[in-house]
Amino acid sequence: MAGVKNMTATIPLEKMTTQEKLRALEYIWDDLQRNPEDVPSPEWHADELKKRESLIREGKATFSDWDEAKQRIRDRTK
């Protein structure tokens, strides 16, 4: 969006269904993924990645199958 300054988009959130809101989020996420280098990464993210890499090197990290991890998260949020 080079050259666009102070662009404001108005979205009628109060009139949208949850499904419409989720679809809008998916469209935005798909658009952001087209140019990931344009999406800034916060400083804390790099710090966290370094910490996790260190844990892997030290043999202190554990890994889970994605389906198992999703189920664990679902169970915790019930």
PDB file of N, CA and C in Angstrom:
ATOM      1  N   MET A   1       0.832  -1.178   0.000  1.00  0.00           N
ATOM      2  CA  MET A   1       0.000   0.000   0.000  1.00  0.00           C
ATOM      3  C   MET A   1       0.878   1.242   0.000  1.00  0.00           C
ATOM      4  N   ALA A   2       1.913   1.186  -0.791  1.00  0.00           N
ATOM      5  CA  ALA A   2       2.829   2.309  -0.871  1.00  0.00           C
ATOM      6  C   ALA A   2       2.087   3.560  -1.308  1.00  0.00           C
ATOM      7  N   GLY A   3       2.406   4.647  -0.670  1.00  0.00           N
ATOM      8  CA  GLY A   3       1.821   5.918  -1.036  1.00  0.00           C
ATOM      9  C   GLY A   3       0.490   6.213  -0.367  1.00  0.00           C
ATOM     10  N   VAL A   4      -0.074   5.253   0.339  1.00  0.00           N
ATOM     11  CA  VAL A   4      -1.358   5.469   1.002  1.00  0.00           C
ATOM     12  C   VAL A   4      -1.077   5.893   2.442  1.00  0.00           C
ATOM     13  N   LYS A   5      -1.568   7.069   2.813  1.00  0.00           N
ATOM     14  CA  LYS A   5      -1.357   7.572   4.168  1.00  0.00           C
ATOM     15  C   LYS A   5      -2.704   7.801   4.825  1.00  0.00           C
ATOM     16  N   ASN A   6      -2.767   7.492   6.105  1.00  0.00           N
ATOM     17  CA  ASN A   6      -3.966   7.739   6.900  1.00  0.00           C
ATOM     18  C   ASN A   6      -5.222   7.138   6.275  1.00  0.00           C
ATOM     19  N   MET A   7      -5.074   5.956   5.693  1.00  0.00           N
ATOM     20  CA  MET A   7      -6.228   5.289   5.099  1.00  0.00           C
ATOM     21  C   MET A   7      -7.086   4.715   6.213  1.00  0.00           C
ATOM     22  N   THR A   8      -8.373   4.953   6.146  1.00  0.00           N
ATOM     23  CA  THR A   8      -9.298   4.433   7.130  1.00  0.00           C
ATOM     24  C   THR A   8     -10.336   3.582   6.419  1.00  0.00           C
ATOM     25  N   ALA A   9     -10.523   2.378   6.922  1.00  0.00           N
ATOM     26  CA  ALA A   9     -11.560   1.511   6.375  1.00  0.00           C
ATOM     27  C   ALA A   9     -12.660   1.403   7.417  1.00  0.00           C
ATOM     28  N   THR A  10     -13.876   1.526   6.966  1.00  0.00           N
ATOM     29  CA  THR A  10     -15.015   1.408   7.858  1.00  0.00           C
ATOM     30  C   THR A  10     -15.675   0.060   7.603  1.00  0.00           C
ATOM     31  N   ILE A  11     -15.750  -0.740   8.643  1.00  0.00           N
ATOM     32  CA  ILE A  11     -16.355  -2.061   8.547  1.00  0.00           C
ATOM     33  C   ILE A  11     -17.513  -2.096   9.535  1.00  0.00           C
ATOM     34  N   PRO A  12     -18.712  -2.431   9.073  1.00  0.00           N
ATOM     35  CA  PRO A  12     -19.888  -2.444   9.962  1.00  0.00           C
ATOM     36  C   PRO A  12     -19.908  -3.679  10.871  1.00  0.00           C
ATOM     37  N   LEU A  13     -18.970  -3.741  11.803  1.00  0.00           N
ATOM     38  CA  LEU A  13     -18.825  -4.923  12.654  1.00  0.00           C
ATOM     39  C   LEU A  13     -20.110  -5.291  13.378  1.00  0.00           C
ATOM     40  N   GLU A  14     -20.838  -4.298  13.847  1.00  0.00           N
ATOM     41  CA  GLU A  14     -22.057  -4.577  14.609  1.00  0.00           C
ATOM     42  C   GLU A  14     -23.142  -5.216  13.751  1.00  0.00           C
ATOM     43  N   LYS A  15     -23.017  -5.089  12.439  1.00  0.00           N
ATOM     44  CA  LYS A  15     -24.002  -5.678  11.523  1.00  0.00           C
ATOM     45  C   LYS A  15     -23.545  -7.015  10.949  1.00  0.00           C
ATOM     46  N   MET A  16     -22.284  -7.361  11.173  1.00  0.00           N
ATOM     47  CA  MET A  16     -21.729  -8.581  10.602  1.00  0.00           C
ATOM     48  C   MET A  16     -21.968  -9.779  11.511  1.00  0.00           C
ATOM     49  N   THR A  17     -22.175 -10.937  10.888  1.00  0.00           N
ATOM     50  CA  THR A  17     -22.283 -12.168  11.659  1.00  0.00           C
ATOM     51  C   THR A  17     -20.873 -12.603  12.069  1.00  0.00           C
ATOM     52  N   THR A  18     -20.802 -13.509  12.999  1.00  0.00           N
ATOM     53  CA  THR A  18     -19.495 -14.037  13.401  1.00  0.00           C
ATOM     54  C   THR A  18     -18.805 -14.672  12.208  1.00  0.00           C
ATOM     55  N   GLN A  19     -19.546 -15.408  11.396  1.00  0.00           N
ATOM     56  CA  GLN A  19     -18.965 -16.041  10.211  1.00  0.00           C
ATOM     57  C   GLN A  19     -18.397 -15.001   9.249  1.00  0.00           C
ATOM     58  N   GLU A  20     -19.094 -13.897   9.055  1.00  0.00           N
ATOM     59  CA  GLU A  20     -18.608 -12.832   8.170  1.00  0.00           C
ATOM     60  C   GLU A  20     -17.343 -12.189   8.729  1.00  0.00           C
ATOM     61  N   LYS A  21     -17.303 -12.012  10.042  1.00  0.00           N
ATOM     62  CA  LYS A  21     -16.107 -11.434  10.679  1.00  0.00           C
ATOM     63  C   LYS A  21     -14.910 -12.361  10.510  1.00  0.00           C
ATOM     64  N   LEU A  22     -15.135 -13.664  10.708  1.00  0.00           N
ATOM     65  CA  LEU A  22     -14.041 -14.621  10.550  1.00  0.00           C
ATOM     66  C   LEU A  22     -13.555 -14.655   9.096  1.00  0.00           C
ATOM     67  N   ARG A  23     -14.482 -14.584   8.163  1.00  0.00           N
ATOM     68  CA  ARG A  23     -14.115 -14.566   6.755  1.00  0.00           C
ATOM     69  C   ARG A  23     -13.277 -13.314   6.446  1.00  0.00           C
ATOM     70  N   ALA A  24     -13.666 -12.178   7.007  1.00  0.00           N
ATOM     71  CA  ALA A  24     -12.900 -10.944   6.799  1.00  0.00           C
ATOM     72  C   ALA A  24     -11.483 -11.086   7.350  1.00  0.00           C
ATOM     73  N   LEU A  25     -11.361 -11.691   8.524  1.00  0.00           N
ATOM     74  CA  LEU A  25     -10.031 -11.928   9.100  1.00  0.00           C
ATOM     75  C   LEU A  25      -9.192 -12.822   8.204  1.00  0.00           C
ATOM     76  N   GLU A  26      -9.819 -13.850   7.639  1.00  0.00           N
ATOM     77  CA  GLU A  26      -9.098 -14.747   6.731  1.00  0.00           C
ATOM     78  C   GLU A  26      -8.611 -13.993   5.496  1.00  0.00           C
ATOM     79  N   TYR A  27      -9.450 -13.120   4.940  1.00  0.00           N
ATOM     80  CA  TYR A  27      -9.045 -12.334   3.767  1.00  0.00           C
ATOM     81  C   TYR A  27      -7.852 -11.434   4.113  1.00  0.00           C
ATOM     82  N   ILE A  28      -7.922 -10.798   5.269  1.00  0.00           N
ATOM     83  CA  ILE A  28      -6.824  -9.908   5.683  1.00  0.00           C
ATOM     84  C   ILE A  28      -5.551 -10.717   5.892  1.00  0.00           C
ATOM     85  N   TRP A  29      -5.662 -11.860   6.575  1.00  0.00           N
ATOM     86  CA  TRP A  29      -4.482 -12.692   6.834  1.00  0.00           C
ATOM     87  C   TRP A  29      -3.874 -13.180   5.515  1.00  0.00           C
ATOM     88  N   ASP A  30      -4.715 -13.628   4.580  1.00  0.00           N
ATOM     89  CA  ASP A  30      -4.214 -14.064   3.276  1.00  0.00           C
ATOM     90  C   ASP A  30      -3.466 -12.939   2.573  1.00  0.00           C
ATOM     91  N   ASP A  31      -3.987 -11.728   2.668  1.00  0.00           N
ATOM     92  CA  ASP A  31      -3.341 -10.586   2.038  1.00  0.00           C
ATOM     93  C   ASP A  31      -1.986 -10.281   2.697  1.00  0.00           C
ATOM     94  N   LEU A  32      -1.940 -10.325   4.022  1.00  0.00           N
ATOM     95  CA  LEU A  32      -0.685 -10.062   4.726  1.00  0.00           C
ATOM     96  C   LEU A  32       0.379 -11.108   4.388  1.00  0.00           C
ATOM     97  N   GLN A  33      -0.037 -12.338   4.172  1.00  0.00           N
ATOM     98  CA  GLN A  33       0.913 -13.411   3.877  1.00  0.00           C
ATOM     99  C   GLN A  33       1.563 -13.279   2.504  1.00  0.00           C
ATOM    100  N   ARG A  34       0.977 -12.487   1.636  1.00  0.00           N
ATOM    101  CA  ARG A  34       1.562 -12.309   0.303  1.00  0.00           C
ATOM    102  C   ARG A  34       2.926 -11.624   0.361  1.00  0.00           C
ATOM    103  N   ASN A  35       3.118 -10.762   1.357  1.00  0.00           N
ATOM    104  CA  ASN A  35       4.382 -10.032   1.523  1.00  0.00           C
ATOM    105  C   ASN A  35       4.797 -10.081   2.988  1.00  0.00           C
ATOM    106  N   PRO A  36       5.205 -11.252   3.477  1.00  0.00           N
ATOM    107  CA  PRO A  36       5.521 -11.368   4.900  1.00  0.00           C
ATOM    108  C   PRO A  36       6.659 -10.451   5.353  1.00  0.00           C
ATOM    109  N   GLU A  37       7.530 -10.083   4.431  1.00  0.00           N
ATOM    110  CA  GLU A  37       8.639  -9.189   4.796  1.00  0.00           C
ATOM    111  C   GLU A  37       8.143  -7.798   5.173  1.00  0.00           C
ATOM    112  N   ASP A  38       6.920  -7.467   4.790  1.00  0.00           N
ATOM    113  CA  ASP A  38       6.355  -6.166   5.136  1.00  0.00           C
ATOM    114  C   ASP A  38       5.678  -6.155   6.506  1.00  0.00           C
ATOM    115  N   VAL A  39       5.547  -7.333   7.116  1.00  0.00           N
ATOM    116  CA  VAL A  39       4.888  -7.442   8.423  1.00  0.00           C
ATOM    117  C   VAL A  39       5.968  -7.438   9.494  1.00  0.00           C
ATOM    118  N   PRO A  40       6.031  -6.378  10.297  1.00  0.00           N
ATOM    119  CA  PRO A  40       7.086  -6.308  11.311  1.00  0.00           C
ATOM    120  C   PRO A  40       6.889  -7.360  12.392  1.00  0.00           C
ATOM    121  N   SER A  41       7.995  -7.888  12.850  1.00  0.00           N
ATOM    122  CA  SER A  41       7.972  -8.859  13.936  1.00  0.00           C
ATOM    123  C   SER A  41       8.403  -8.143  15.210  1.00  0.00           C
ATOM    124  N   PRO A  42       7.649  -8.293  16.284  1.00  0.00           N
ATOM    125  CA  PRO A  42       8.018  -7.591  17.525  1.00  0.00           C
ATOM    126  C   PRO A  42       9.318  -8.133  18.118  1.00  0.00           C
ATOM    127  N   GLU A  43      10.010  -7.291  18.824  1.00  0.00           N
ATOM    128  CA  GLU A  43      11.295  -7.648  19.442  1.00  0.00           C
ATOM    129  C   GLU A  43      11.169  -8.872  20.341  1.00  0.00           C
ATOM    130  N   TRP A  44      10.085  -8.944  21.117  1.00  0.00           N
ATOM    131  CA  TRP A  44       9.920 -10.065  22.036  1.00  0.00           C
ATOM    132  C   TRP A  44       9.832 -11.392  21.290  1.00  0.00           C
ATOM    133  N   HIS A  45       9.394 -11.362  20.039  1.00  0.00           N
ATOM    134  CA  HIS A  45       9.272 -12.590  19.268  1.00  0.00           C
ATOM    135  C   HIS A  45      10.653 -13.182  18.993  1.00  0.00           C
ATOM    136  N   ALA A  46      11.604 -12.346  18.586  1.00  0.00           N
ATOM    137  CA  ALA A  46      12.975 -12.804  18.342  1.00  0.00           C
ATOM    138  C   ALA A  46      13.580 -13.340  19.634  1.00  0.00           C
ATOM    139  N   ASP A  47      13.322 -12.661  20.751  1.00  0.00           N
ATOM    140  CA  ASP A  47      13.835 -13.116  22.043  1.00  0.00           C
ATOM    141  C   ASP A  47      13.283 -14.494  22.399  1.00  0.00           C
ATOM    142  N   GLU A  48      11.999 -14.692  22.163  1.00  0.00           N
ATOM    143  CA  GLU A  48      11.361 -15.973  22.474  1.00  0.00           C
ATOM    144  C   GLU A  48      11.918 -17.085  21.587  1.00  0.00           C
ATOM    145  N   LEU A  49      12.131 -16.798  20.311  1.00  0.00           N
ATOM    146  CA  LEU A  49      12.694 -17.802  19.416  1.00  0.00           C
ATOM    147  C   LEU A  49      14.101 -18.208  19.855  1.00  0.00           C
ATOM    148  N   LYS A  50      14.907 -17.239  20.264  1.00  0.00           N
ATOM    149  CA  LYS A  50      16.257 -17.542  20.750  1.00  0.00           C
ATOM    150  C   LYS A  50      16.200 -18.418  21.994  1.00  0.00           C
ATOM    151  N   LYS A  51      15.272 -18.100  22.892  1.00  0.00           N
ATOM    152  CA  LYS A  51      15.113 -18.885  24.122  1.00  0.00           C
ATOM    153  C   LYS A  51      14.740 -20.331  23.777  1.00  0.00           C
ATOM    154  N   ARG A  52      13.813 -20.491  22.861  1.00  0.00           N
ATOM    155  CA  ARG A  52      13.372 -21.837  22.489  1.00  0.00           C
ATOM    156  C   ARG A  52      14.468 -22.614  21.766  1.00  0.00           C
ATOM    157  N   GLU A  53      15.235 -21.935  20.905  1.00  0.00           N
ATOM    158  CA  GLU A  53      16.356 -22.600  20.241  1.00  0.00           C
ATOM    159  C   GLU A  53      17.377 -23.089  21.256  1.00  0.00           C
ATOM    160  N   SER A  54      17.600 -22.296  22.286  1.00  0.00           N
ATOM    161  CA  SER A  54      18.522 -22.679  23.349  1.00  0.00           C
ATOM    162  C   SER A  54      18.023 -23.931  24.073  1.00  0.00           C
ATOM    163  N   LEU A  55      16.738 -23.969  24.362  1.00  0.00           N
ATOM    164  CA  LEU A  55      16.155 -25.145  25.022  1.00  0.00           C
ATOM    165  C   LEU A  55      16.293 -26.399  24.159  1.00  0.00           C
ATOM    166  N   ILE A  56      16.149 -26.247  22.852  1.00  0.00           N
ATOM    167  CA  ILE A  56      16.318 -27.382  21.944  1.00  0.00           C
ATOM    168  C   ILE A  56      17.754 -27.878  21.984  1.00  0.00           C
ATOM    169  N   ARG A  57      18.718 -26.954  21.899  1.00  0.00           N
ATOM    170  CA  ARG A  57      20.135 -27.332  21.934  1.00  0.00           C
ATOM    171  C   ARG A  57      20.484 -28.041  23.228  1.00  0.00           C
ATOM    172  N   GLU A  58      19.869 -27.611  24.336  1.00  0.00           N
ATOM    173  CA  GLU A  58      20.150 -28.198  25.650  1.00  0.00           C
ATOM    174  C   GLU A  58      19.369 -29.488  25.887  1.00  0.00           C
ATOM    175  N   GLY A  59      18.522 -29.865  24.940  1.00  0.00           N
ATOM    176  CA  GLY A  59      17.730 -31.080  25.085  1.00  0.00           C
ATOM    177  C   GLY A  59      16.588 -30.940  26.087  1.00  0.00           C
ATOM    178  N   LYS A  60      16.196 -29.716  26.387  1.00  0.00           N
ATOM    179  CA  LYS A  60      15.146 -29.464  27.381  1.00  0.00           C
ATOM    180  C   LYS A  60      13.783 -29.193  26.748  1.00  0.00           C
ATOM    181  N   ALA A  61      13.712 -29.198  25.426  1.00  0.00           N
ATOM    182  CA  ALA A  61      12.447 -28.910  24.745  1.00  0.00           C
ATOM    183  C   ALA A  61      11.751 -30.216  24.391  1.00  0.00           C
ATOM    184  N   THR A  62      10.438 -30.182  24.422  1.00  0.00           N
ATOM    185  CA  THR A  62       9.659 -31.329  23.979  1.00  0.00           C
ATOM    186  C   THR A  62       8.780 -30.887  22.817  1.00  0.00           C
ATOM    187  N   PHE A  63       8.412 -31.831  21.989  1.00  0.00           N
ATOM    188  CA  PHE A  63       7.605 -31.532  20.822  1.00  0.00           C
ATOM    189  C   PHE A  63       6.364 -32.402  20.831  1.00  0.00           C
ATOM    190  N   SER A  64       5.301 -31.864  20.278  1.00  0.00           N
ATOM    191  CA  SER A  64       4.038 -32.581  20.205  1.00  0.00           C
ATOM    192  C   SER A  64       3.556 -32.644  18.774  1.00  0.00           C
ATOM    193  N   ASP A  65       2.842 -33.701  18.475  1.00  0.00           N
ATOM    194  CA  ASP A  65       2.135 -33.794  17.219  1.00  0.00           C
ATOM    195  C   ASP A  65       1.096 -32.674  17.206  1.00  0.00           C
ATOM    196  N   TRP A  66       0.886 -32.028  16.059  1.00  0.00           N
ATOM    197  CA  TRP A  66      -0.014 -30.877  15.980  1.00  0.00           C
ATOM    198  C   TRP A  66      -1.427 -31.241  16.411  1.00  0.00           C
ATOM    199  N   ASP A  67      -1.929 -32.400  15.992  1.00  0.00           N
ATOM    200  CA  ASP A  67      -3.288 -32.795  16.373  1.00  0.00           C
ATOM    201  C   ASP A  67      -3.399 -32.978  17.892  1.00  0.00           C
ATOM    202  N   GLU A  68      -2.379 -33.563  18.501  1.00  0.00           N
ATOM    203  CA  GLU A  68      -2.366 -33.729  19.960  1.00  0.00           C
ATOM    204  C   GLU A  68      -2.311 -32.368  20.659  1.00  0.00           C
ATOM    205  N   ALA A  69      -1.509 -31.476  20.137  1.00  0.00           N
ATOM    206  CA  ALA A  69      -1.388 -30.143  20.738  1.00  0.00           C
ATOM    207  C   ALA A  69      -2.722 -29.400  20.669  1.00  0.00           C
ATOM    208  N   LYS A  70      -3.399 -29.469  19.517  1.00  0.00           N
ATOM    209  CA  LYS A  70      -4.699 -28.808  19.380  1.00  0.00           C
ATOM    210  C   LYS A  70      -5.703 -29.379  20.376  1.00  0.00           C
ATOM    211  N   GLN A  71      -5.689 -30.706  20.554  1.00  0.00           N
ATOM    212  CA  GLN A  71      -6.624 -31.316  21.502  1.00  0.00           C
ATOM    213  C   GLN A  71      -6.331 -30.857  22.925  1.00  0.00           C
ATOM    214  N   ARG A  72      -5.041 -30.773  23.291  1.00  0.00           N
ATOM    215  CA  ARG A  72      -4.655 -30.293  24.627  1.00  0.00           C
ATOM    216  C   ARG A  72      -5.157 -28.882  24.850  1.00  0.00           C
ATOM    217  N   ILE A  73      -5.021 -28.042  23.840  1.00  0.00           N
ATOM    218  CA  ILE A  73      -5.489 -26.644  23.950  1.00  0.00           C
ATOM    219  C   ILE A  73      -7.008 -26.617  24.108  1.00  0.00           C
ATOM    220  N   ARG A  74      -7.694 -27.407  23.311  1.00  0.00           N
ATOM    221  CA  ARG A  74      -9.170 -27.460  23.423  1.00  0.00           C
ATOM    222  C   ARG A  74      -9.592 -27.918  24.825  1.00  0.00           C
ATOM    223  N   ASP A  75      -8.904 -28.948  25.333  1.00  0.00           N
ATOM    224  CA  ASP A  75      -9.251 -29.456  26.670  1.00  0.00           C
ATOM    225  C   ASP A  75      -9.030 -28.403  27.755  1.00  0.00           C
ATOM    226  N   ARG A  76      -7.992 -27.609  27.602  1.00  0.00           N
ATOM    227  CA  ARG A  76      -7.689 -26.556  28.592  1.00  0.00           C
ATOM    228  C   ARG A  76      -8.673 -25.405  28.568  1.00  0.00           C
ATOM    229  N   THR A  77      -9.289 -25.176  27.411  1.00  0.00           N
ATOM    230  CA  THR A  77     -10.168 -24.012  27.278  1.00  0.00           C
ATOM    231  C   THR A  77     -11.646 -24.343  27.458  1.00  0.00           C
ATOM    232  N   LYS A  78     -11.931 -25.564  27.872  1.00  0.00           N
ATOM    233  CA  LYS A  78     -13.331 -25.954  28.098  1.00  0.00           C
ATOM    234  C   LYS A  78     -13.845 -25.389  29.400  1.00  0.00           C
TER     235      LYS A  78
END
